[in-house]
PDB file of N, CA and C in Angstrom:
ATOM      1  N   UNK A   1       0.902  -1.229   0.004  1.00  0.00           N
ATOM      2  CA  UNK A   1       0.236   0.145  -0.083  1.00  0.00           C
ATOM      3  C   UNK A   1       1.180   1.112   0.361  1.00  0.00           C
ATOM      4  N   UNK A   2       0.645   1.979  -0.812  1.00  0.00           N
ATOM      5  CA  UNK A   2       1.630   3.526  -0.956  1.00  0.00           C
ATOM      6  C   UNK A   2       0.457   4.470   0.100  1.00  0.00           C
ATOM      7  N   UNK A   3       1.928   4.826   0.737  1.00  0.00           N
ATOM      8  CA  UNK A   3       0.835   5.564   1.339  1.00  0.00           C
ATOM      9  C   UNK A   3       2.673   7.549   2.083  1.00  0.00           C
ATOM     10  N   UNK A   4       1.656   8.485   1.965  1.00  0.00           N
ATOM     11  CA  UNK A   4       3.117   9.464   2.827  1.00  0.00           C
ATOM     12  C   UNK A   4       3.504   9.553   3.708  1.00  0.00           C
ATOM     13  N   UNK A   5       4.172  10.302   3.905  1.00  0.00           N
ATOM     14  CA  UNK A   5       5.231  10.278   5.290  1.00  0.00           C
ATOM     15  C   UNK A   5       3.987  10.898   6.773  1.00  0.00           C
ATOM     16  N   UNK A   6       2.886  11.153   6.257  1.00  0.00           N
ATOM     17  CA  UNK A   6       2.161  11.699   7.833  1.00  0.00           C
ATOM     18  C   UNK A   6       1.650  10.882   9.005  1.00  0.00           C
ATOM     19  N   UNK A   7       2.222  11.688   9.795  1.00  0.00           N
ATOM     20  CA  UNK A   7       2.121  11.374  11.553  1.00  0.00           C
ATOM     21  C   UNK A   7       0.737   9.743  11.193  1.00  0.00           C
ATOM     22  N   UNK A   8       0.165   9.759  10.808  1.00  0.00           N
ATOM     23  CA  UNK A   8      -1.007   8.612  10.655  1.00  0.00           C
ATOM     24  C   UNK A   8      -0.722   7.756   9.602  1.00  0.00           C
ATOM     25  N   UNK A   9       0.492   7.949   8.834  1.00  0.00           N
ATOM     26  CA  UNK A   9       1.521   6.484   8.249  1.00  0.00           C
ATOM     27  C   UNK A   9       2.715   6.089   8.865  1.00  0.00           C
ATOM     28  N   UNK A  10       3.031   6.618   9.603  1.00  0.00           N
ATOM     29  CA  UNK A  10       4.300   6.389  10.562  1.00  0.00           C
ATOM     30  C   UNK A  10       3.923   5.590  11.691  1.00  0.00           C
ATOM     31  N   UNK A  11       2.756   5.147  12.116  1.00  0.00           N
ATOM     32  CA  UNK A  11       2.642   5.554  13.680  1.00  0.00           C
ATOM     33  C   UNK A  11       2.799   3.767  14.001  1.00  0.00           C
ATOM     34  N   UNK A  12       3.002   2.976  14.788  1.00  0.00           N
ATOM     35  CA  UNK A  12       3.623   1.703  15.425  1.00  0.00           C
ATOM     36  C   UNK A  12       1.669   1.384  15.025  1.00  0.00           C
ATOM     37  N   UNK A  13       0.942   1.818  15.421  1.00  0.00           N
ATOM     38  CA  UNK A  13      -0.184   0.951  15.289  1.00  0.00           C
ATOM     39  C   UNK A  13      -0.382   0.060  13.672  1.00  0.00           C
ATOM     40  N   UNK A  14      -0.135   1.658  12.926  1.00  0.00           N
ATOM     41  CA  UNK A  14      -0.097   0.650  11.449  1.00  0.00           C
ATOM     42  C   UNK A  14       0.965  -0.106  11.052  1.00  0.00           C
ATOM     43  N   UNK A  15       1.997   0.029  11.471  1.00  0.00           N
ATOM     44  CA  UNK A  15       2.927  -0.365  10.873  1.00  0.00           C
ATOM     45  C   UNK A  15       2.576  -2.124  11.606  1.00  0.00           C
ATOM     46  N   UNK A  16       1.915  -2.352  12.575  1.00  0.00           N
ATOM     47  CA  UNK A  16       1.427  -3.225  13.298  1.00  0.00           C
ATOM     48  C   UNK A  16       0.053  -4.111  12.719  1.00  0.00           C
ATOM     49  N   UNK A  17      -0.749  -3.136  11.839  1.00  0.00           N
ATOM     50  CA  UNK A  17      -2.056  -3.798  11.127  1.00  0.00           C
ATOM     51  C   UNK A  17      -1.645  -4.362  10.179  1.00  0.00           C
ATOM     52  N   UNK A  18      -0.450  -3.671   9.514  1.00  0.00           N
ATOM     53  CA  UNK A  18       0.006  -3.919   8.343  1.00  0.00           C
ATOM     54  C   UNK A  18       1.268  -5.266   8.008  1.00  0.00           C
ATOM     55  N   UNK A  19       1.701  -5.600   9.152  1.00  0.00           N
ATOM     56  CA  UNK A  19       2.605  -6.358   9.383  1.00  0.00           C
ATOM     57  C   UNK A  19       1.693  -7.962   9.623  1.00  0.00           C
ATOM     58  N   UNK A  20       0.417  -7.743  10.288  1.00  0.00           N
ATOM     59  CA  UNK A  20      -0.324  -8.800  10.472  1.00  0.00           C
ATOM     60  C   UNK A  20      -0.844  -9.411   9.002  1.00  0.00           C
ATOM     61  N   UNK A  21      -1.194  -8.468   8.421  1.00  0.00           N
ATOM     62  CA  UNK A  21      -2.176  -8.468   7.234  1.00  0.00           C
ATOM     63  C   UNK A  21      -1.076  -9.440   6.154  1.00  0.00           C
ATOM     64  N   UNK A  22       0.148  -9.462   6.224  1.00  0.00           N
ATOM     65  CA  UNK A  22       0.905  -9.132   5.075  1.00  0.00           C
ATOM     66  C   UNK A  22       1.263  -8.251   4.122  1.00  0.00           C
ATOM     67  N   UNK A  23       0.788  -6.909   4.457  1.00  0.00           N
ATOM     68  CA  UNK A  23       0.448  -5.675   3.463  1.00  0.00           C
ATOM     69  C   UNK A  23       1.706  -5.016   3.617  1.00  0.00           C
ATOM     70  N   UNK A  24       2.388  -5.053   2.790  1.00  0.00           N
ATOM     71  CA  UNK A  24       3.730  -3.807   1.754  1.00  0.00           C
ATOM     72  C   UNK A  24       4.002  -2.735   2.264  1.00  0.00           C
ATOM     73  N   UNK A  25       3.657  -1.967   3.344  1.00  0.00           N
ATOM     74  CA  UNK A  25       3.565  -0.636   3.147  1.00  0.00           C
ATOM     75  C   UNK A  25       4.876   0.223   2.124  1.00  0.00           C
ATOM     76  N   UNK A  26       4.251   0.763   1.549  1.00  0.00           N
ATOM     77  CA  UNK A  26       5.670   1.543   0.680  1.00  0.00           C
ATOM     78  C   UNK A  26       5.189   3.038   0.697  1.00  0.00           C
ATOM     79  N   UNK A  27       6.476   4.020   1.154  1.00  0.00           N
ATOM     80  CA  UNK A  27       6.337   5.465   0.988  1.00  0.00           C
ATOM     81  C   UNK A  27       6.792   5.949   0.420  1.00  0.00           C
ATOM     82  N   UNK A  28       6.393   7.106   0.229  1.00  0.00           N
ATOM     83  CA  UNK A  28       6.427   8.311  -1.143  1.00  0.00           C
ATOM     84  C   UNK A  28       7.932   8.809  -0.470  1.00  0.00           C
ATOM     85  N   UNK A  29       8.584   9.475  -1.323  1.00  0.00           N
ATOM     86  CA  UNK A  29       9.498  10.005  -0.904  1.00  0.00           C
ATOM     87  C   UNK A  29       8.952  11.535  -0.193  1.00  0.00           C
ATOM     88  N   UNK A  30       9.246  11.914   1.250  1.00  0.00           N
ATOM     89  CA  UNK A  30       9.270  13.137   1.688  1.00  0.00           C
ATOM     90  C   UNK A  30       9.074  14.443   0.746  1.00  0.00           C
ATOM     91  N   UNK A  31       8.409  14.917   0.853  1.00  0.00           N
ATOM     92  CA  UNK A  31       7.776  16.556   0.330  1.00  0.00           C
ATOM     93  C   UNK A  31       7.896  16.465  -1.411  1.00  0.00           C
ATOM     94  N   UNK A  32       7.472  14.814  -1.652  1.00  0.00           N
ATOM     95  CA  UNK A  32       6.822  14.949  -3.132  1.00  0.00           C
ATOM     96  C   UNK A  32       6.189  14.069  -2.845  1.00  0.00           C
ATOM     97  N   UNK A  33       4.827  15.384  -3.036  1.00  0.00           N
ATOM     98  CA  UNK A  33       2.861  14.809  -3.356  1.00  0.00           C
ATOM     99  C   UNK A  33       3.252  14.179  -4.733  1.00  0.00           C
ATOM    100  N   UNK A  34       3.864  14.312  -5.501  1.00  0.00           N
ATOM    101  CA  UNK A  34       3.659  14.104  -7.023  1.00  0.00           C
ATOM    102  C   UNK A  34       4.122  12.810  -6.994  1.00  0.00           C
ATOM    103  N   UNK A  35       5.105  12.434  -6.011  1.00  0.00           N
ATOM    104  CA  UNK A  35       5.133  10.334  -6.142  1.00  0.00           C
ATOM    105  C   UNK A  35       3.434   9.527  -6.164  1.00  0.00           C
ATOM    106  N   UNK A  36       2.243  10.695  -5.695  1.00  0.00           N
ATOM    107  CA  UNK A  36       1.235   9.877  -5.700  1.00  0.00           C
ATOM    108  C   UNK A  36      -0.019  10.777  -6.079  1.00  0.00           C
ATOM    109  N   UNK A  37       0.324  11.414  -6.768  1.00  0.00           N
ATOM    110  CA  UNK A  37      -0.662  12.832  -7.892  1.00  0.00           C
ATOM    111  C   UNK A  37      -2.804  12.309  -7.835  1.00  0.00           C
ATOM    112  N   UNK A  38      -2.408  11.420  -7.963  1.00  0.00           N
ATOM    113  CA  UNK A  38      -4.026  10.349  -7.910  1.00  0.00           C
ATOM    114  C   UNK A  38      -4.690  10.610  -6.364  1.00  0.00           C
ATOM    115  N   UNK A  39      -3.617   9.817  -5.716  1.00  0.00           N
ATOM    116  CA  UNK A  39      -4.046   9.875  -4.660  1.00  0.00           C
ATOM    117  C   UNK A  39      -4.304  10.967  -3.711  1.00  0.00           C
ATOM    118  N   UNK A  40      -3.389  12.284  -3.867  1.00  0.00           N
ATOM    119  CA  UNK A  40      -3.260  13.584  -3.651  1.00  0.00           C
ATOM    120  C   UNK A  40      -4.790  14.304  -4.094  1.00  0.00           C
ATOM    121  N   UNK A  41      -4.837  14.302  -5.112  1.00  0.00           N
ATOM    122  CA  UNK A  41      -6.246  14.706  -5.702  1.00  0.00           C
ATOM    123  C   UNK A  41      -7.464  13.908  -5.699  1.00  0.00           C
ATOM    124  N   UNK A  42      -7.498  12.973  -5.307  1.00  0.00           N
ATOM    125  CA  UNK A  42      -8.515  12.355  -4.747  1.00  0.00           C
ATOM    126  C   UNK A  42      -8.640  12.659  -3.002  1.00  0.00           C
ATOM    127  N   UNK A  43      -7.820  12.797  -2.279  1.00  0.00           N
ATOM    128  CA  UNK A  43      -7.788  13.156  -1.247  1.00  0.00           C
ATOM    129  C   UNK A  43      -7.954  14.771  -0.865  1.00  0.00           C
ATOM    130  N   UNK A  44      -7.411  15.101  -1.622  1.00  0.00           N
ATOM    131  CA  UNK A  44      -8.251  16.425  -1.639  1.00  0.00           C
ATOM    132  C   UNK A  44      -9.335  16.903  -2.157  1.00  0.00           C
ATOM    133  N   UNK A  45     -10.364  16.349  -2.625  1.00  0.00           N
ATOM    134  CA  UNK A  45     -11.746  16.274  -2.916  1.00  0.00           C
ATOM    135  C   UNK A  45     -12.391  15.463  -1.974  1.00  0.00           C
ATOM    136  N   UNK A  46     -12.006  14.940  -1.486  1.00  0.00           N
ATOM    137  CA  UNK A  46     -12.466  14.051  -0.507  1.00  0.00           C
ATOM    138  C   UNK A  46     -12.923  14.871   0.848  1.00  0.00           C
ATOM    139  N   UNK A  47     -11.586  15.864   0.890  1.00  0.00           N
ATOM    140  CA  UNK A  47     -11.226  16.738   2.442  1.00  0.00           C
ATOM    141  C   UNK A  47     -12.867  17.816   1.861  1.00  0.00           C
ATOM    142  N   UNK A  48     -12.446  18.078   0.708  1.00  0.00           N
ATOM    143  CA  UNK A  48     -13.335  19.499   0.430  1.00  0.00           C
ATOM    144  C   UNK A  48     -14.826  19.459  -0.031  1.00  0.00           C
ATOM    145  N   UNK A  49     -15.377  17.932  -0.964  1.00  0.00           N
ATOM    146  CA  UNK A  49     -16.296  17.716  -0.904  1.00  0.00           C
ATOM    147  C   UNK A  49     -17.120  16.939   0.336  1.00  0.00           C
ATOM    148  N   UNK A  50     -16.463  16.247   0.820  1.00  0.00           N
ATOM    149  CA  UNK A  50     -17.007  15.453   1.936  1.00  0.00           C
ATOM    150  C   UNK A  50     -17.305  15.386   3.649  1.00  0.00           C
ATOM    151  N   UNK A  51     -15.524  15.964   4.108  1.00  0.00           N
ATOM    152  CA  UNK A  51     -14.850  16.387   5.034  1.00  0.00           C
ATOM    153  C   UNK A  51     -15.168  17.556   5.694  1.00  0.00           C
ATOM    154  N   UNK A  52     -15.365  18.736   5.166  1.00  0.00           N
ATOM    155  CA  UNK A  52     -15.449  19.947   5.380  1.00  0.00           C
ATOM    156  C   UNK A  52     -16.713  20.750   5.249  1.00  0.00           C
ATOM    157  N   UNK A  53     -17.821  19.514   4.432  1.00  0.00           N
ATOM    158  CA  UNK A  53     -18.910  20.242   4.752  1.00  0.00           C
ATOM    159  C   UNK A  53     -20.089  19.172   5.746  1.00  0.00           C
ATOM    160  N   UNK A  54     -19.954  17.949   6.115  1.00  0.00           N
ATOM    161  CA  UNK A  54     -20.405  17.468   7.005  1.00  0.00           C
ATOM    162  C   UNK A  54     -19.954  17.363   8.566  1.00  0.00           C
ATOM    163  N   UNK A  55     -20.939  16.631   9.010  1.00  0.00           N
ATOM    164  CA  UNK A  55     -21.037  17.100  10.718  1.00  0.00           C
ATOM    165  C   UNK A  55     -21.711  15.185  10.720  1.00  0.00           C
ATOM    166  N   UNK A  56     -20.880  14.760  11.508  1.00  0.00           N
ATOM    167  CA  UNK A  56     -20.731  13.404  11.420  1.00  0.00           C
ATOM    168  C   UNK A  56     -20.990  13.370  13.322  1.00  0.00           C
ATOM    169  N   UNK A  57     -22.911  12.850  13.849  1.00  0.00           N
ATOM    170  CA  UNK A  57     -22.855  12.585  14.686  1.00  0.00           C
ATOM    171  C   UNK A  57     -22.734  11.546  15.837  1.00  0.00           C
ATOM    172  N   UNK A  58     -22.130  10.192  14.871  1.00  0.00           N
ATOM    173  CA  UNK A  58     -21.944   8.767  15.456  1.00  0.00           C
ATOM    174  C   UNK A  58     -20.702   8.304  14.596  1.00  0.00           C
ATOM    175  N   UNK A  59     -20.412   7.212  14.655  1.00  0.00           N
ATOM    176  CA  UNK A  59     -19.406   6.360  13.612  1.00  0.00           C
ATOM    177  C   UNK A  59     -20.123   6.128  12.354  1.00  0.00           C
ATOM    178  N   UNK A  60     -21.397   5.700  13.330  1.00  0.00           N
ATOM    179  CA  UNK A  60     -22.508   5.285  12.084  1.00  0.00           C
ATOM    180  C   UNK A  60     -22.713   5.872  10.904  1.00  0.00           C
ATOM    181  N   UNK A  61     -22.936   7.743  11.598  1.00  0.00           N
ATOM    182  CA  UNK A  61     -23.566   8.295  10.889  1.00  0.00           C
ATOM    183  C   UNK A  61     -22.496   8.603   9.554  1.00  0.00           C
ATOM    184  N   UNK A  62     -21.375   8.881  10.214  1.00  0.00           N
ATOM    185  CA  UNK A  62     -20.415   8.948   9.421  1.00  0.00           C
ATOM    186  C   UNK A  62     -19.624   8.433   7.944  1.00  0.00           C
ATOM    187  N   UNK A  63     -20.286   6.551   8.898  1.00  0.00           N
ATOM    188  CA  UNK A  63     -20.305   5.175   7.420  1.00  0.00           C
ATOM    189  C   UNK A  63     -21.349   5.760   6.389  1.00  0.00           C
ATOM    190  N   UNK A  64     -22.551   5.870   6.947  1.00  0.00           N
ATOM    191  CA  UNK A  64     -23.152   5.933   5.943  1.00  0.00           C
ATOM    192  C   UNK A  64     -23.314   7.040   5.264  1.00  0.00           C
ATOM    193  N   UNK A  65     -23.168   8.347   5.086  1.00  0.00           N
ATOM    194  CA  UNK A  65     -23.189   9.268   4.696  1.00  0.00           C
ATOM    195  C   UNK A  65     -21.264   9.268   3.915  1.00  0.00           C
ATOM    196  N   UNK A  66     -20.667   8.642   4.154  1.00  0.00           N
ATOM    197  CA  UNK A  66     -19.426   8.268   3.263  1.00  0.00           C
ATOM    198  C   UNK A  66     -19.618   6.760   2.406  1.00  0.00           C
ATOM    199  N   UNK A  67     -20.849   6.624   2.456  1.00  0.00           N
ATOM    200  CA  UNK A  67     -21.139   5.597   1.427  1.00  0.00           C
ATOM    201  C   UNK A  67     -21.999   5.917   0.777  1.00  0.00           C
ATOM    202  N   UNK A  68     -22.725   7.077   0.985  1.00  0.00           N
ATOM    203  CA  UNK A  68     -23.250   7.909  -0.153  1.00  0.00           C
ATOM    204  C   UNK A  68     -22.557   8.322  -1.043  1.00  0.00           C
ATOM    205  N   UNK A  69     -21.536   9.117  -0.276  1.00  0.00           N
ATOM    206  CA  UNK A  69     -20.607   9.891  -1.239  1.00  0.00           C
ATOM    207  C   UNK A  69     -19.904   9.546  -2.292  1.00  0.00           C
ATOM    208  N   UNK A  70     -19.572   8.173  -1.645  1.00  0.00           N
ATOM    209  CA  UNK A  70     -18.565   6.733  -2.329  1.00  0.00           C
ATOM    210  C   UNK A  70     -19.218   6.832  -3.651  1.00  0.00           C
ATOM    211  N   UNK A  71     -21.332   6.236  -3.357  1.00  0.00           N
ATOM    212  CA  UNK A  71     -22.011   5.856  -4.448  1.00  0.00           C
ATOM    213  C   UNK A  71     -22.214   6.941  -5.266  1.00  0.00           C
ATOM    214  N   UNK A  72     -22.138   8.205  -4.992  1.00  0.00           N
ATOM    215  CA  UNK A  72     -22.325   9.672  -6.109  1.00  0.00           C
ATOM    216  C   UNK A  72     -20.507   9.702  -6.606  1.00  0.00           C
ATOM    217  N   UNK A  73     -20.068   9.881  -6.136  1.00  0.00           N
ATOM    218  CA  UNK A  73     -18.936   9.508  -6.622  1.00  0.00           C
ATOM    219  C   UNK A  73     -18.312   8.301  -7.951  1.00  0.00           C
ATOM    220  N   UNK A  74     -18.894   6.758  -7.547  1.00  0.00           N
ATOM    221  CA  UNK A  74     -18.264   6.126  -8.473  1.00  0.00           C
ATOM    222  C   UNK A  74     -19.624   6.128  -9.233  1.00  0.00           C
ATOM    223  N   UNK A  75     -20.657   6.140  -9.323  1.00  0.00           N
ATOM    224  CA  UNK A  75     -21.906   6.651 -10.401  1.00  0.00           C
ATOM    225  C   UNK A  75     -22.316   6.968 -10.462  1.00  0.00           C
ATOM    226  N   UNK A  76     -22.019   8.725 -10.167  1.00  0.00           N
ATOM    227  CA  UNK A  76     -23.052   9.392 -11.002  1.00  0.00           C
ATOM    228  C   UNK A  76     -22.356  10.227 -11.569  1.00  0.00           C
ATOM    229  N   UNK A  77     -21.014  10.944 -11.212  1.00  0.00           N
ATOM    230  CA  UNK A  77     -20.477  11.756 -11.628  1.00  0.00           C
ATOM    231  C   UNK A  77     -19.022  11.728 -12.277  1.00  0.00           C
ATOM    232  N   UNK A  78     -19.170  12.280 -13.553  1.00  0.00           N
ATOM    233  CA  UNK A  78     -18.161  11.902 -14.769  1.00  0.00           C
ATOM    234  C   UNK A  78     -16.536  12.325 -14.465  1.00  0.00           C
ATOM    235  N   UNK A  79     -15.375  11.838 -14.946  1.00  0.00           N
ATOM    236  CA  UNK A  79     -14.426  11.595 -14.107  1.00  0.00           C
ATOM    237  C   UNK A  79     -13.910  11.986 -15.251  1.00  0.00           C
ATOM    238  N   UNK A  80     -12.963  13.728 -15.582  1.00  0.00           N
ATOM    239  CA  UNK A  80     -12.362  13.611 -17.359  1.00  0.00           C
ATOM    240  C   UNK A  80     -10.913  12.971 -17.536  1.00  0.00           C
ATOM    241  N   UNK A  81     -10.325  12.143 -16.448  1.00  0.00           N
ATOM    242  CA  UNK A  81      -9.782  11.236 -16.852  1.00  0.00           C
ATOM    243  C   UNK A  81      -9.799   9.954 -17.356  1.00  0.00           C
ATOM    244  N   UNK A  82     -11.290   9.603 -17.043  1.00  0.00           N
ATOM    245  CA  UNK A  82     -12.136   8.244 -17.640  1.00  0.00           C
ATOM    246  C   UNK A  82     -12.587   8.840 -18.578  1.00  0.00           C
ATOM    247  N   UNK A  83     -12.412   9.895 -19.763  1.00  0.00           N
ATOM    248  CA  UNK A  83     -12.984  10.203 -20.456  1.00  0.00           C
ATOM    249  C   UNK A  83     -14.119  10.746 -20.360  1.00  0.00           C
ATOM    250  N   UNK A  84     -14.745  11.366 -19.405  1.00  0.00           N
ATOM    251  CA  UNK A  84     -16.154  11.970 -18.875  1.00  0.00           C
ATOM    252  C   UNK A  84     -16.719  10.706 -18.976  1.00  0.00           C
ATOM    253  N   UNK A  85     -16.684   9.639 -18.413  1.00  0.00           N
ATOM    254  CA  UNK A  85     -17.703   8.319 -17.751  1.00  0.00           C
ATOM    255  C   UNK A  85     -17.293   8.816 -16.599  1.00  0.00           C
ATOM    256  N   UNK A  86     -18.652   7.778 -15.500  1.00  0.00           N
ATOM    257  CA  UNK A  86     -18.203   7.289 -14.236  1.00  0.00           C
ATOM    258  C   UNK A  86     -17.165   6.465 -14.099  1.00  0.00           C
ATOM    259  N   UNK A  87     -16.884   6.249 -13.048  1.00  0.00           N
ATOM    260  CA  UNK A  87     -16.068   5.143 -13.180  1.00  0.00           C
ATOM    261  C   UNK A  87     -16.581   3.629 -13.331  1.00  0.00           C
ATOM    262  N   UNK A  88     -18.151   3.559 -12.697  1.00  0.00           N
ATOM    263  CA  UNK A  88     -19.080   2.538 -13.194  1.00  0.00           C
ATOM    264  C   UNK A  88     -19.219   2.067 -14.836  1.00  0.00           C
ATOM    265  N   UNK A  89     -18.972   3.474 -15.213  1.00  0.00           N
ATOM    266  CA  UNK A  89     -19.638   3.271 -16.919  1.00  0.00           C
ATOM    267  C   UNK A  89     -18.062   2.748 -17.144  1.00  0.00           C
ATOM    268  N   UNK A  90     -16.893   3.313 -16.777  1.00  0.00           N
ATOM    269  CA  UNK A  90     -15.699   3.019 -17.597  1.00  0.00           C
ATOM    270  C   UNK A  90     -15.030   1.559 -16.779  1.00  0.00           C
ATOM    271  N   UNK A  91     -15.585   0.913 -15.980  1.00  0.00           N
ATOM    272  CA  UNK A  91     -15.480  -0.449 -15.398  1.00  0.00           C
ATOM    273  C   UNK A  91     -15.890  -0.944 -16.738  1.00  0.00           C
ATOM    274  N   UNK A  92     -17.769  -0.534 -16.829  1.00  0.00           N
ATOM    275  CA  UNK A  92     -18.504  -1.434 -18.325  1.00  0.00           C
ATOM    276  C   UNK A  92     -18.069  -1.595 -19.445  1.00  0.00           C
ATOM    277  N   UNK A  93     -17.361  -0.613 -19.562  1.00  0.00           N
ATOM    278  CA  UNK A  93     -16.822  -0.558 -20.990  1.00  0.00           C
ATOM    279  C   UNK A  93     -15.862  -0.978 -21.246  1.00  0.00           C
ATOM    280  N   UNK A  94     -14.603  -1.118 -20.047  1.00  0.00           N
ATOM    281  CA  UNK A  94     -13.918  -1.771 -20.390  1.00  0.00           C
ATOM    282  C   UNK A  94     -13.721  -3.088 -20.600  1.00  0.00           C
ATOM    283  N   UNK A  95     -14.823  -4.162 -19.422  1.00  0.00           N
ATOM    284  CA  UNK A  95     -15.232  -5.366 -19.660  1.00  0.00           C
ATOM    285  C   UNK A  95     -16.115  -5.546 -20.422  1.00  0.00           C
ATOM    286  N   UNK A  96     -16.869  -5.213 -21.036  1.00  0.00           N
ATOM    287  CA  UNK A  96     -16.871  -5.405 -22.506  1.00  0.00           C
ATOM    288  C   UNK A  96     -16.034  -5.338 -23.546  1.00  0.00           C
ATOM    289  N   UNK A  97     -15.025  -4.622 -23.580  1.00  0.00           N
ATOM    290  CA  UNK A  97     -14.435  -4.380 -24.712  1.00  0.00           C
ATOM    291  C   UNK A  97     -13.405  -5.741 -24.380  1.00  0.00           C
ATOM    292  N   UNK A  98     -13.284  -5.999 -23.282  1.00  0.00           N
ATOM    293  CA  UNK A  98     -12.222  -7.749 -23.193  1.00  0.00           C
ATOM    294  C   UNK A  98     -12.952  -8.309 -23.395  1.00  0.00           C
ATOM    295  N   UNK A  99     -14.407  -8.342 -22.909  1.00  0.00           N
ATOM    296  CA  UNK A  99     -15.304  -9.387 -23.565  1.00  0.00           C
ATOM    297  C   UNK A  99     -15.092 -10.116 -25.149  1.00  0.00           C
ATOM    298  N   UNK A 100     -15.286  -8.606 -25.753  1.00  0.00           N
ATOM    299  CA  UNK A 100     -15.558  -8.824 -27.205  1.00  0.00           C
ATOM    300  C   UNK A 100     -13.989  -9.334 -28.238  1.00  0.00           C
ATOM    301  N   UNK A 101     -13.133  -8.488 -27.380  1.00  0.00           N
ATOM    302  CA  UNK A 101     -11.852  -9.047 -27.392  1.00  0.00           C
ATOM    303  C   UNK A 101     -11.231 -10.490 -27.708  1.00  0.00           C
ATOM    304  N   UNK A 102     -12.271 -11.152 -27.327  1.00  0.00           N
ATOM    305  CA  UNK A 102     -11.659 -12.392 -25.823  1.00  0.00           C
ATOM    306  C   UNK A 102     -12.172 -13.714 -27.715  1.00  0.00           C
ATOM    307  N   UNK A 103     -11.221 -14.423 -28.218  1.00  0.00           N
ATOM    308  CA  UNK A 103     -11.302 -15.697 -29.083  1.00  0.00           C
ATOM    309  C   UNK A 103     -12.656 -15.993 -28.861  1.00  0.00           C
ATOM    310  N   UNK A 104     -13.850 -16.474 -29.461  1.00  0.00           N
ATOM    311  CA  UNK A 104     -14.040 -17.424 -29.288  1.00  0.00           C
ATOM    312  C   UNK A 104     -14.371 -18.579 -29.752  1.00  0.00           C
ATOM    313  N   UNK A 105     -15.077 -19.573 -28.713  1.00  0.00           N
ATOM    314  CA  UNK A 105     -14.252 -21.468 -28.407  1.00  0.00           C
ATOM    315  C   UNK A 105     -14.536 -21.154 -30.155  1.00  0.00           C
ATOM    316  N   UNK A 106     -14.158 -23.269 -30.250  1.00  0.00           N
ATOM    317  CA  UNK A 106     -14.125 -23.613 -31.983  1.00  0.00           C
ATOM    318  C   UNK A 106     -15.247 -25.264 -31.105  1.00  0.00           C
TER     319      UNK A 106
END
């Protein structure tokens, strides 16, 4: 898992969590957000569009609101990097293309 060098990713708790699950932590170079540009952009969008505009009463409330935001992000919002398709449309299109390119069994 690629992570930056923020305190939330350099803690002993995360290190133990990753080790127990066989997850390799790959740290980006300090001060180089361009090493992880797509994630940095997503994190900014999540912060601006979700975290900064919602109040959470309980953890369950936060989970429900995040699930709704995630559904909108993946199923209703076109992404320029995906040819102005939603992620779900992009996945379906790629799957359809892969099925069409498979050889037909004889």
